Amino acid sequence: MNITIRQLKVFREVARQQSFTRAAKILFLTQPAVSMQIKQLEEVVGMPLFEKLGKQLSLTDAGEEIRLLSETILRQIDETQQNLEQLASGDQGKLHLAVATTVASVATRLMARFNSKYPALSLHFTVTNREGLIDLLENNETDIVIMGKPPEGLQIETQEFMANPLVVIAPPGHPLGNRQKSVGLNELFQYDFILREPSSGTRRAIERFLAAEGRSLTSSMEMNTNDAIKQSVTEGLGLGIVSIHTVTNELEQGSLQIIDATKFPLRRSWYLVQRKGRRLSPLSERFKAYIIEEAQGITPHL
């Protein structure tokens, strides 16, 4: 059926008012214009939609079917219009966010706060290592990536937004803890370390630091998650070098401590990264602005 939205709107109002005259006034149309729209709709349907008994205007069976159709379609149009307005204003939309494992806990807190302000947000949240993030960027499969040092050789846009200091952690009571002076690198590197896997951003940062200092350290084992490193350090299997953001709870609980060591913390940053030319929704843009503002008060002071 070739029914127009205008015809459905006019029909719906006539059905509600049970009067061509009253419907015309509400729609700011003339009565002949309303009558013409109804006549055209009846021609499309092939049956009368109204019947008049005395002064009473009522729906025929066909009219009742069109009434149900008009209510459904026009309600969907209204809802779509509202959704489009929310999308344009940044109050509703989809966000594909991918983050490094190191920043996952911070990103989760920021996202929870943002989502409380914008509950209509539809979020696709991925936590992966550096290689996984680069794959997502290469294939343009995510809106925003939060990671450490951005990759080279990709058409990307980056924005530094948050400090990410790397600190040396040890279990409570470790001999290097509670020193009056910073522990020198010579003494520090006499101990075994538990490190992230070679492809991780944290491991790369440590290797760049060691190369710049002309030093090396002994790694007793490698872990592919920060939680595994923290647990291993807690059990006394070695020292660790992790982002301070990953150990805030353990520091408060006293299950880990930070070693005051020369050259530490290693100064790093987290970046917002996206493919150049990727169009973000207004809500995604609002999220970027939000976390840049909120991040300023998150990094612990060392």
C-alpha atoms as a PDB file:
ATOM      1  CA  MET A   1       0.000   0.000   0.000  1.00  0.00           C
ATOM      2  CA  ASN A   2       1.223   3.434  -0.946  1.00  0.00           C
ATOM      3  CA  ILE A   3       0.220   5.220   2.258  1.00  0.00           C
ATOM      4  CA  THR A   4       1.884   8.498   3.236  1.00  0.00           C
ATOM      5  CA  ILE A   5       2.847   9.656   6.710  1.00  0.00           C
ATOM      6  CA  ARG A   6       0.700  12.742   6.223  1.00  0.00           C
ATOM      7  CA  GLN A   7      -2.349  10.603   5.526  1.00  0.00           C
ATOM      8  CA  LEU A   8      -1.747   8.534   8.660  1.00  0.00           C
ATOM      9  CA  LYS A   9      -1.368  11.648  10.827  1.00  0.00           C
ATOM     10  CA  VAL A  10      -4.607  13.120   9.518  1.00  0.00           C
ATOM     11  CA  PHE A  11      -6.427   9.804   9.857  1.00  0.00           C
ATOM     12  CA  ARG A  12      -5.179   9.304  13.428  1.00  0.00           C
ATOM     13  CA  GLU A  13      -6.464  12.704  14.504  1.00  0.00           C
ATOM     14  CA  VAL A  14      -9.858  12.214  12.865  1.00  0.00           C
ATOM     15  CA  ALA A  15     -10.148   8.829  14.586  1.00  0.00           C
ATOM     16  CA  ARG A  16      -9.216  10.365  17.939  1.00  0.00           C
ATOM     17  CA  GLN A  17     -11.575  13.330  17.625  1.00  0.00           C
ATOM     18  CA  GLN A  18     -14.341  11.432  15.811  1.00  0.00           C
ATOM     19  CA  SER A  19     -14.809  14.633  13.865  1.00  0.00           C
ATOM     20  CA  PHE A  20     -13.358  16.078  10.665  1.00  0.00           C
ATOM     21  CA  THR A  21     -13.965  19.608  11.952  1.00  0.00           C
ATOM     22  CA  ARG A  22     -12.183  19.179  15.291  1.00  0.00           C
ATOM     23  CA  ALA A  23      -9.298  17.312  13.648  1.00  0.00           C
ATOM     24  CA  ALA A  24      -8.888  20.119  11.120  1.00  0.00           C
ATOM     25  CA  LYS A  25      -8.580  22.703  13.905  1.00  0.00           C
ATOM     26  CA  ILE A  26      -5.975  20.679  15.797  1.00  0.00           C
ATOM     27  CA  LEU A  27      -3.945  20.036  12.633  1.00  0.00           C
ATOM     28  CA  PHE A  28      -4.283  23.662  11.454  1.00  0.00           C
ATOM     29  CA  LEU A  29      -5.862  22.485   8.197  1.00  0.00           C
ATOM     30  CA  THR A  30      -9.103  23.276   6.451  1.00  0.00           C
ATOM     31  CA  GLN A  31     -11.878  20.714   6.676  1.00  0.00           C
ATOM     32  CA  PRO A  32     -11.797  20.090   2.881  1.00  0.00           C
ATOM     33  CA  ALA A  33      -8.047  19.358   3.172  1.00  0.00           C
ATOM     34  CA  VAL A  34      -8.717  16.797   5.897  1.00  0.00           C
ATOM     35  CA  SER A  35     -11.516  15.233   3.894  1.00  0.00           C
ATOM     36  CA  MET A  36      -9.250  14.979   0.848  1.00  0.00           C
ATOM     37  CA  GLN A  37      -6.525  13.156   2.819  1.00  0.00           C
ATOM     38  CA  ILE A  38      -9.040  10.668   4.181  1.00  0.00           C
ATOM     39  CA  LYS A  39     -10.561  10.128   0.725  1.00  0.00           C
ATOM     40  CA  GLN A  40      -7.123   9.449  -0.782  1.00  0.00           C
ATOM     41  CA  LEU A  41      -6.328   6.998   2.030  1.00  0.00           C
ATOM     42  CA  GLU A  42      -9.613   5.167   1.481  1.00  0.00           C
ATOM     43  CA  GLU A  43      -8.809   4.898  -2.225  1.00  0.00           C
ATOM     44  CA  VAL A  44      -5.477   3.279  -1.378  1.00  0.00           C
ATOM     45  CA  VAL A  45      -7.081   0.868   1.093  1.00  0.00           C
ATOM     46  CA  GLY A  46     -10.022   0.178  -1.222  1.00  0.00           C
ATOM     47  CA  MET A  47     -12.598   0.347   1.571  1.00  0.00           C
ATOM     48  CA  PRO A  48     -14.288   3.046   3.618  1.00  0.00           C
ATOM     49  CA  LEU A  49     -12.579   3.841   6.917  1.00  0.00           C
ATOM     50  CA  PHE A  50     -15.365   5.766   8.634  1.00  0.00           C
ATOM     51  CA  GLU A  51     -19.108   5.431   8.821  1.00  0.00           C
ATOM     52  CA  LYS A  52     -21.523   8.072  10.018  1.00  0.00           C
ATOM     53  CA  LEU A  53     -24.630   7.235  11.988  1.00  0.00           C
ATOM     54  CA  GLY A  54     -26.500  10.448  12.557  1.00  0.00           C
ATOM     55  CA  LYS A  55     -23.883  12.891  13.849  1.00  0.00           C
ATOM     56  CA  GLN A  56     -21.664  10.111  15.235  1.00  0.00           C
ATOM     57  CA  LEU A  57     -18.503   9.278  13.266  1.00  0.00           C
ATOM     58  CA  SER A  58     -17.072   5.823  13.931  1.00  0.00           C
ATOM     59  CA  LEU A  59     -14.450   3.499  12.452  1.00  0.00           C
ATOM     60  CA  THR A  60     -15.240   0.631  10.153  1.00  0.00           C
ATOM     61  CA  ASP A  61     -13.361  -2.670  10.580  1.00  0.00           C
ATOM     62  CA  ALA A  62     -10.899  -1.494   7.942  1.00  0.00           C
ATOM     63  CA  GLY A  63     -10.619   1.812   9.751  1.00  0.00           C
ATOM     64  CA  GLU A  64      -9.733   0.007  12.995  1.00  0.00           C
ATOM     65  CA  GLU A  65      -6.913  -1.825  11.194  1.00  0.00           C
ATOM     66  CA  ILE A  66      -5.560   1.451   9.825  1.00  0.00           C
ATOM     67  CA  ARG A  67      -5.879   3.030  13.276  1.00  0.00           C
ATOM     68  CA  LEU A  68      -3.639   0.318  14.742  1.00  0.00           C
ATOM     69  CA  LEU A  69      -1.211   0.747  11.867  1.00  0.00           C
ATOM     70  CA  SER A  70      -1.108   4.536  12.251  1.00  0.00           C
ATOM     71  CA  GLU A  71      -0.535   4.359  16.021  1.00  0.00           C
ATOM     72  CA  THR A  72       2.339   1.895  15.573  1.00  0.00           C
ATOM     73  CA  ILE A  73       4.082   3.667  12.703  1.00  0.00           C
ATOM     74  CA  LEU A  74       3.698   7.192  14.066  1.00  0.00           C
ATOM     75  CA  ARG A  75       4.874   6.119  17.520  1.00  0.00           C
ATOM     76  CA  GLN A  76       7.971   4.558  15.965  1.00  0.00           C
ATOM     77  CA  ILE A  77       8.603   7.723  13.994  1.00  0.00           C
ATOM     78  CA  ASP A  78       8.313   9.823  17.151  1.00  0.00           C
ATOM     79  CA  GLU A  79      10.682   7.521  19.036  1.00  0.00           C
ATOM     80  CA  THR A  80      13.157   7.597  16.165  1.00  0.00           C
ATOM     81  CA  GLN A  81      13.032  11.371  16.074  1.00  0.00           C
ATOM     82  CA  GLN A  82      13.710  11.524  19.812  1.00  0.00           C
ATOM     83  CA  ASN A  83      16.608   9.089  19.455  1.00  0.00           C
ATOM     84  CA  LEU A  84      18.090  11.112  16.601  1.00  0.00           C
ATOM     85  CA  GLU A  85      17.857  14.283  18.670  1.00  0.00           C
ATOM     86  CA  GLN A  86      19.614  12.526  21.558  1.00  0.00           C
ATOM     87  CA  LEU A  87      22.300  11.231  19.219  1.00  0.00           C
ATOM     88  CA  ALA A  88      22.876  14.703  17.832  1.00  0.00           C
ATOM     89  CA  SER A  89      23.059  16.223  21.307  1.00  0.00           C
ATOM     90  CA  GLY A  90      25.430  13.535  22.607  1.00  0.00           C
ATOM     91  CA  ASP A  91      22.987  12.105  25.167  1.00  0.00           C
ATOM     92  CA  GLN A  92      22.690   8.729  23.455  1.00  0.00           C
ATOM     93  CA  GLY A  93      24.814   6.625  21.158  1.00  0.00           C
ATOM     94  CA  LYS A  94      27.269   3.777  20.758  1.00  0.00           C
ATOM     95  CA  LEU A  95      30.902   3.742  21.824  1.00  0.00           C
ATOM     96  CA  HIS A  96      33.474   1.127  20.875  1.00  0.00           C
ATOM     97  CA  LEU A  97      36.270   1.501  23.425  1.00  0.00           C
ATOM     98  CA  ALA A  98      39.412  -0.640  23.599  1.00  0.00           C
ATOM     99  CA  VAL A  99      41.964  -0.295  26.385  1.00  0.00           C
ATOM    100  CA  ALA A 100      45.286  -1.764  27.412  1.00  0.00           C
ATOM    101  CA  THR A 101      45.153  -4.190  30.327  1.00  0.00           C
ATOM    102  CA  THR A 102      47.203  -1.727  32.374  1.00  0.00           C
ATOM    103  CA  VAL A 103      44.541   0.961  32.141  1.00  0.00           C
ATOM    104  CA  ALA A 104      41.508  -1.327  32.406  1.00  0.00           C
ATOM    105  CA  SER A 105      40.710  -0.576  36.058  1.00  0.00           C
ATOM    106  CA  VAL A 106      40.969   3.186  35.577  1.00  0.00           C
ATOM    107  CA  ALA A 107      38.985   3.080  32.337  1.00  0.00           C
ATOM    108  CA  THR A 108      36.268   1.028  34.035  1.00  0.00           C
ATOM    109  CA  ARG A 109      35.886   3.596  36.812  1.00  0.00           C
ATOM    110  CA  LEU A 110      35.748   6.467  34.345  1.00  0.00           C
ATOM    111  CA  MET A 111      33.244   4.633  32.169  1.00  0.00           C
ATOM    112  CA  ALA A 112      31.015   3.846  35.153  1.00  0.00           C
ATOM    113  CA  ARG A 113      30.884   7.517  36.136  1.00  0.00           C
ATOM    114  CA  PHE A 114      30.220   8.588  32.557  1.00  0.00           C
ATOM    115  CA  ASN A 115      27.529   5.955  32.112  1.00  0.00           C
ATOM    116  CA  SER A 116      25.738   7.168  35.231  1.00  0.00           C
ATOM    117  CA  LYS A 117      25.361  10.535  33.508  1.00  0.00           C
ATOM    118  CA  TYR A 118      24.407   9.039  30.160  1.00  0.00           C
ATOM    119  CA  PRO A 119      22.552   5.767  30.849  1.00  0.00           C
ATOM    120  CA  ALA A 120      21.452   5.494  27.206  1.00  0.00           C
ATOM    121  CA  LEU A 121      25.078   4.792  26.220  1.00  0.00           C
ATOM    122  CA  SER A 122      25.593   1.501  24.377  1.00  0.00           C
ATOM    123  CA  LEU A 123      29.159   0.387  25.118  1.00  0.00           C
ATOM    124  CA  HIS A 124      31.373  -2.220  23.484  1.00  0.00           C
ATOM    125  CA  PHE A 125      34.369  -2.531  25.822  1.00  0.00           C
ATOM    126  CA  THR A 126      37.517  -4.505  24.917  1.00  0.00           C
ATOM    127  CA  VAL A 127      40.512  -5.105  27.172  1.00  0.00           C
ATOM    128  CA  THR A 128      43.578  -6.499  25.438  1.00  0.00           C
ATOM    129  CA  ASN A 129      47.350  -6.194  25.152  1.00  0.00           C
ATOM    130  CA  ARG A 130      49.281  -3.825  22.929  1.00  0.00           C
ATOM    131  CA  GLU A 131      49.267  -6.157  19.931  1.00  0.00           C
ATOM    132  CA  GLY A 132      45.500  -6.536  20.170  1.00  0.00           C
ATOM    133  CA  LEU A 133      45.021  -2.765  20.311  1.00  0.00           C
ATOM    134  CA  ILE A 134      47.210  -2.241  17.258  1.00  0.00           C
ATOM    135  CA  ASP A 135      45.201  -4.856  15.353  1.00  0.00           C
ATOM    136  CA  LEU A 136      41.975  -3.035  16.204  1.00  0.00           C
ATOM    137  CA  LEU A 137      43.453   0.256  15.014  1.00  0.00           C
ATOM    138  CA  GLU A 138      44.833  -1.256  11.818  1.00  0.00           C
ATOM    139  CA  ASN A 139      41.439  -2.752  10.953  1.00  0.00           C
ATOM    140  CA  ASN A 140      39.541   0.384  12.082  1.00  0.00           C
ATOM    141  CA  GLU A 141      37.377  -1.750  14.355  1.00  0.00           C
ATOM    142  CA  THR A 142      37.093   0.566  17.361  1.00  0.00           C
ATOM    143  CA  ASP A 143      36.261   4.205  18.026  1.00  0.00           C
ATOM    144  CA  ILE A 144      38.807   5.020  20.722  1.00  0.00           C
ATOM    145  CA  VAL A 145      41.844   3.198  22.081  1.00  0.00           C
ATOM    146  CA  ILE A 146      43.459   3.981  25.423  1.00  0.00           C
ATOM    147  CA  MET A 147      47.067   2.832  25.463  1.00  0.00           C
ATOM    148  CA  GLY A 148      50.649   3.758  26.248  1.00  0.00           C
ATOM    149  CA  LYS A 149      53.112   4.773  23.537  1.00  0.00           C
ATOM    150  CA  PRO A 150      51.103   5.042  20.280  1.00  0.00           C
ATOM    151  CA  PRO A 151      52.245   2.832  17.396  1.00  0.00           C
ATOM    152  CA  GLU A 152      54.209   4.299  14.520  1.00  0.00           C
ATOM    153  CA  GLY A 153      53.360   3.836  10.870  1.00  0.00           C
ATOM    154  CA  LEU A 154      49.577   4.067  11.259  1.00  0.00           C
ATOM    155  CA  GLN A 155      47.316   6.900  10.194  1.00  0.00           C
ATOM    156  CA  ILE A 156      46.148   7.803  13.689  1.00  0.00           C
ATOM    157  CA  GLU A 157      45.279  10.776  15.860  1.00  0.00           C
ATOM    158  CA  THR A 158      46.661  10.797  19.393  1.00  0.00           C
ATOM    159  CA  GLN A 159      46.161  12.868  22.516  1.00  0.00           C
ATOM    160  CA  GLU A 160      48.096  12.501  25.749  1.00  0.00           C
ATOM    161  CA  PHE A 161      45.668  12.690  28.629  1.00  0.00           C
ATOM    162  CA  MET A 162      47.019  11.014  31.751  1.00  0.00           C
ATOM    163  CA  ALA A 163      50.285  10.265  33.545  1.00  0.00           C
ATOM    164  CA  ASN A 164      51.119   6.581  33.930  1.00  0.00           C
ATOM    165  CA  PRO A 165      54.120   6.241  36.271  1.00  0.00           C
ATOM    166  CA  LEU A 166      55.817   2.838  36.460  1.00  0.00           C
ATOM    167  CA  VAL A 167      56.932   1.920  39.980  1.00  0.00           C
ATOM    168  CA  VAL A 168      58.912  -0.893  41.586  1.00  0.00           C
ATOM    169  CA  ILE A 169      56.748  -3.018  43.865  1.00  0.00           C
ATOM    170  CA  ALA A 170      57.740  -5.450  46.599  1.00  0.00           C
ATOM    171  CA  PRO A 171      55.971  -7.441  49.327  1.00  0.00           C
ATOM    172  CA  PRO A 172      55.705  -5.976  52.831  1.00  0.00           C
ATOM    173  CA  GLY A 173      58.911  -6.319  54.864  1.00  0.00           C
ATOM    174  CA  HIS A 174      61.192  -6.505  51.818  1.00  0.00           C
ATOM    175  CA  PRO A 175      64.822  -5.464  52.597  1.00  0.00           C
ATOM    176  CA  LEU A 176      64.638  -2.567  50.114  1.00  0.00           C
ATOM    177  CA  GLY A 177      61.601  -1.028  51.753  1.00  0.00           C
ATOM    178  CA  ASN A 178      61.508   1.900  54.176  1.00  0.00           C
ATOM    179  CA  ARG A 179      64.973   3.215  53.311  1.00  0.00           C
ATOM    180  CA  GLN A 180      66.032   6.717  54.275  1.00  0.00           C
ATOM    181  CA  LYS A 181      67.553   7.195  50.808  1.00  0.00           C
ATOM    182  CA  SER A 182      66.572   5.991  47.374  1.00  0.00           C
ATOM    183  CA  VAL A 183      67.818   2.523  46.498  1.00  0.00           C
ATOM    184  CA  GLY A 184      70.526   2.680  43.816  1.00  0.00           C
ATOM    185  CA  LEU A 185      70.129   0.780  40.570  1.00  0.00           C
ATOM    186  CA  ASN A 186      73.117  -1.450  41.333  1.00  0.00           C
ATOM    187  CA  GLU A 187      71.491  -2.752  44.481  1.00  0.00           C
ATOM    188  CA  LEU A 188      68.014  -2.820  42.967  1.00  0.00           C
ATOM    189  CA  PHE A 189      69.002  -4.966  40.020  1.00  0.00           C
ATOM    190  CA  GLN A 190      70.606  -7.578  42.210  1.00  0.00           C
ATOM    191  CA  TYR A 191      67.103  -8.889  42.829  1.00  0.00           C
ATOM    192  CA  ASP A 192      65.013 -10.990  40.488  1.00  0.00           C
ATOM    193  CA  PHE A 193      62.127  -9.299  38.679  1.00  0.00           C
ATOM    194  CA  ILE A 194      58.803 -10.563  37.403  1.00  0.00           C
ATOM    195  CA  LEU A 195      58.015  -8.841  34.106  1.00  0.00           C
ATOM    196  CA  ARG A 196      55.209  -8.557  31.596  1.00  0.00           C
ATOM    197  CA  GLU A 197      55.458 -10.384  28.274  1.00  0.00           C
ATOM    198  CA  PRO A 198      57.791  -8.827  25.636  1.00  0.00           C
ATOM    199  CA  SER A 199      54.922  -7.475  23.507  1.00  0.00           C
ATOM    200  CA  SER A 200      53.376  -5.414  26.314  1.00  0.00           C
ATOM    201  CA  GLY A 201      53.747  -1.648  26.509  1.00  0.00           C
ATOM    202  CA  THR A 202      55.066  -1.851  30.078  1.00  0.00           C
ATOM    203  CA  ARG A 203      57.791  -4.305  29.069  1.00  0.00           C
ATOM    204  CA  ARG A 204      58.819  -2.125  26.137  1.00  0.00           C
ATOM    205  CA  ALA A 205      59.079   0.910  28.404  1.00  0.00           C
ATOM    206  CA  ILE A 206      61.297  -1.008  30.835  1.00  0.00           C
ATOM    207  CA  GLU A 207      63.525  -2.211  28.009  1.00  0.00           C
ATOM    208  CA  ARG A 208      63.910   1.330  26.675  1.00  0.00           C
ATOM    209  CA  PHE A 209      64.886   2.502  30.156  1.00  0.00           C
ATOM    210  CA  LEU A 210      67.440  -0.286  30.591  1.00  0.00           C
ATOM    211  CA  ALA A 211      68.969   0.413  27.175  1.00  0.00           C
ATOM    212  CA  ALA A 212      69.271   4.126  27.961  1.00  0.00           C
ATOM    213  CA  GLU A 213      70.966   3.315  31.277  1.00  0.00           C
ATOM    214  CA  GLY A 214      73.197   0.614  29.781  1.00  0.00           C
ATOM    215  CA  ARG A 215      71.881  -1.903  32.296  1.00  0.00           C
ATOM    216  CA  SER A 216      70.143  -5.236  32.480  1.00  0.00           C
ATOM    217  CA  LEU A 217      68.102  -7.044  35.093  1.00  0.00           C
ATOM    218  CA  THR A 218      67.390 -10.659  35.905  1.00  0.00           C
ATOM    219  CA  SER A 219      63.866 -11.807  35.169  1.00  0.00           C
ATOM    220  CA  SER A 220      62.849 -14.921  37.049  1.00  0.00           C
ATOM    221  CA  MET A 221      59.530 -15.237  35.199  1.00  0.00           C
ATOM    222  CA  GLU A 222      57.155 -13.498  32.798  1.00  0.00           C
ATOM    223  CA  MET A 223      53.428 -12.900  33.251  1.00  0.00           C
ATOM    224  CA  ASN A 224      50.837 -11.754  30.744  1.00  0.00           C
ATOM    225  CA  THR A 225      48.677  -9.873  33.262  1.00  0.00           C
ATOM    226  CA  ASN A 226      49.327  -7.293  35.948  1.00  0.00           C
ATOM    227  CA  ASP A 227      47.232  -9.283  38.423  1.00  0.00           C
ATOM    228  CA  ALA A 228      49.560 -12.268  37.997  1.00  0.00           C
ATOM    229  CA  ILE A 229      52.588 -10.054  38.613  1.00  0.00           C
ATOM    230  CA  LYS A 230      51.039  -8.530  41.735  1.00  0.00           C
ATOM    231  CA  GLN A 231      50.143 -11.943  43.135  1.00  0.00           C
ATOM    232  CA  SER A 232      53.627 -13.305  42.429  1.00  0.00           C
ATOM    233  CA  VAL A 233      55.271 -10.298  44.084  1.00  0.00           C
ATOM    234  CA  THR A 234      52.979 -10.668  47.099  1.00  0.00           C
ATOM    235  CA  GLU A 235      54.125 -14.287  47.423  1.00  0.00           C
ATOM    236  CA  GLY A 236      57.770 -13.188  47.422  1.00  0.00           C
ATOM    237  CA  LEU A 237      58.733 -14.582  44.018  1.00  0.00           C
ATOM    238  CA  GLY A 238      60.452 -11.369  42.928  1.00  0.00           C
ATOM    239  CA  LEU A 239      60.068  -7.642  42.444  1.00  0.00           C
ATOM    240  CA  GLY A 240      57.785  -6.113  39.855  1.00  0.00           C
ATOM    241  CA  ILE A 241      57.564  -2.978  37.745  1.00  0.00           C
ATOM    242  CA  VAL A 242      53.982  -1.943  37.079  1.00  0.00           C
ATOM    243  CA  SER A 243      51.796   1.091  36.591  1.00  0.00           C
ATOM    244  CA  ILE A 244      50.939   2.710  39.894  1.00  0.00           C
ATOM    245  CA  HIS A 245      47.294   2.724  38.792  1.00  0.00           C
ATOM    246  CA  THR A 246      47.221  -1.070  38.984  1.00  0.00           C
ATOM    247  CA  VAL A 247      48.264  -1.283  42.652  1.00  0.00           C
ATOM    248  CA  THR A 248      46.200   1.405  44.411  1.00  0.00           C
ATOM    249  CA  ASN A 249      44.083  -1.165  46.267  1.00  0.00           C
ATOM    250  CA  GLU A 250      47.095  -3.261  47.304  1.00  0.00           C
ATOM    251  CA  LEU A 251      48.916  -0.199  48.600  1.00  0.00           C
ATOM    252  CA  GLU A 252      45.897   0.800  50.681  1.00  0.00           C
ATOM    253  CA  GLN A 253      45.562  -2.729  52.052  1.00  0.00           C
ATOM    254  CA  GLY A 254      49.277  -3.009  52.779  1.00  0.00           C
ATOM    255  CA  SER A 255      49.769  -6.178  50.718  1.00  0.00           C
ATOM    256  CA  LEU A 256      52.350  -4.438  48.503  1.00  0.00           C
ATOM    257  CA  GLN A 257      54.736  -1.526  48.872  1.00  0.00           C
ATOM    258  CA  ILE A 258      56.533   0.794  46.462  1.00  0.00           C
ATOM    259  CA  ILE A 259      60.330   0.782  46.537  1.00  0.00           C
ATOM    260  CA  ASP A 260      61.882   4.237  46.455  1.00  0.00           C
ATOM    261  CA  ALA A 261      64.512   3.602  43.783  1.00  0.00           C
ATOM    262  CA  THR A 262      66.803   5.878  41.784  1.00  0.00           C
ATOM    263  CA  LYS A 263      65.357   6.856  38.383  1.00  0.00           C
ATOM    264  CA  PHE A 264      61.908   5.634  39.426  1.00  0.00           C
ATOM    265  CA  PRO A 265      59.080   6.075  38.830  1.00  0.00           C
ATOM    266  CA  LEU A 266      59.519   5.802  35.077  1.00  0.00           C
ATOM    267  CA  ARG A 267      57.520   8.631  33.556  1.00  0.00           C
ATOM    268  CA  ARG A 268      55.027   7.424  30.992  1.00  0.00           C
ATOM    269  CA  SER A 269      51.653   8.598  29.732  1.00  0.00           C
ATOM    270  CA  TRP A 270      48.443   7.156  28.470  1.00  0.00           C
ATOM    271  CA  TYR A 271      47.024   8.329  25.172  1.00  0.00           C
ATOM    272  CA  LEU A 272      43.661   8.506  23.483  1.00  0.00           C
ATOM    273  CA  VAL A 273      44.151   7.052  20.011  1.00  0.00           C
ATOM    274  CA  GLN A 274      41.832   6.746  17.027  1.00  0.00           C
ATOM    275  CA  ARG A 275      42.165   6.146  13.328  1.00  0.00           C
ATOM    276  CA  LYS A 276      42.580   9.357  11.386  1.00  0.00           C
ATOM    277  CA  GLY A 277      39.359  10.249   9.630  1.00  0.00           C
ATOM    278  CA  ARG A 278      37.153   7.987  11.748  1.00  0.00           C
ATOM    279  CA  ARG A 279      33.964   9.860  12.511  1.00  0.00           C
ATOM    280  CA  LEU A 280      32.957   9.689  16.162  1.00  0.00           C
ATOM    281  CA  SER A 281      29.427  10.140  17.445  1.00  0.00           C
ATOM    282  CA  PRO A 282      28.700  13.243  19.536  1.00  0.00           C
ATOM    283  CA  LEU A 283      28.525  10.981  22.596  1.00  0.00           C
ATOM    284  CA  SER A 284      31.980   9.541  21.849  1.00  0.00           C
ATOM    285  CA  GLU A 285      33.362  13.052  21.545  1.00  0.00           C
ATOM    286  CA  ARG A 286      31.736  13.934  24.844  1.00  0.00           C
ATOM    287  CA  PHE A 287      33.334  10.865  26.431  1.00  0.00           C
ATOM    288  CA  LYS A 288      36.774  11.954  25.245  1.00  0.00           C
ATOM    289  CA  ALA A 289      36.317  15.405  26.758  1.00  0.00           C
ATOM    290  CA  TYR A 290      35.001  13.852  29.964  1.00  0.00           C
ATOM    291  CA  ILE A 291      37.911  11.515  30.645  1.00  0.00           C
ATOM    292  CA  ILE A 292      40.479  14.187  29.785  1.00  0.00           C
ATOM    293  CA  GLU A 293      38.947  16.376  32.466  1.00  0.00           C
ATOM    294  CA  GLU A 294      38.452  13.602  35.013  1.00  0.00           C
ATOM    295  CA  ALA A 295      41.905  12.076  34.544  1.00  0.00           C
ATOM    296  CA  GLN A 296      43.610  15.108  36.048  1.00  0.00           C
ATOM    297  CA  GLY A 297      42.576  14.102  39.550  1.00  0.00           C
ATOM    298  CA  ILE A 298      43.224  10.360  39.332  1.00  0.00           C
ATOM    299  CA  THR A 299      47.021   9.908  39.168  1.00  0.00           C
ATOM    300  CA  PRO A 300      48.449   9.392  42.679  1.00  0.00           C
ATOM    301  CA  HIS A 301      51.176  11.780  43.779  1.00  0.00           C
ATOM    302  CA  LEU A 302      54.622  10.218  44.229  1.00  0.00           C
END
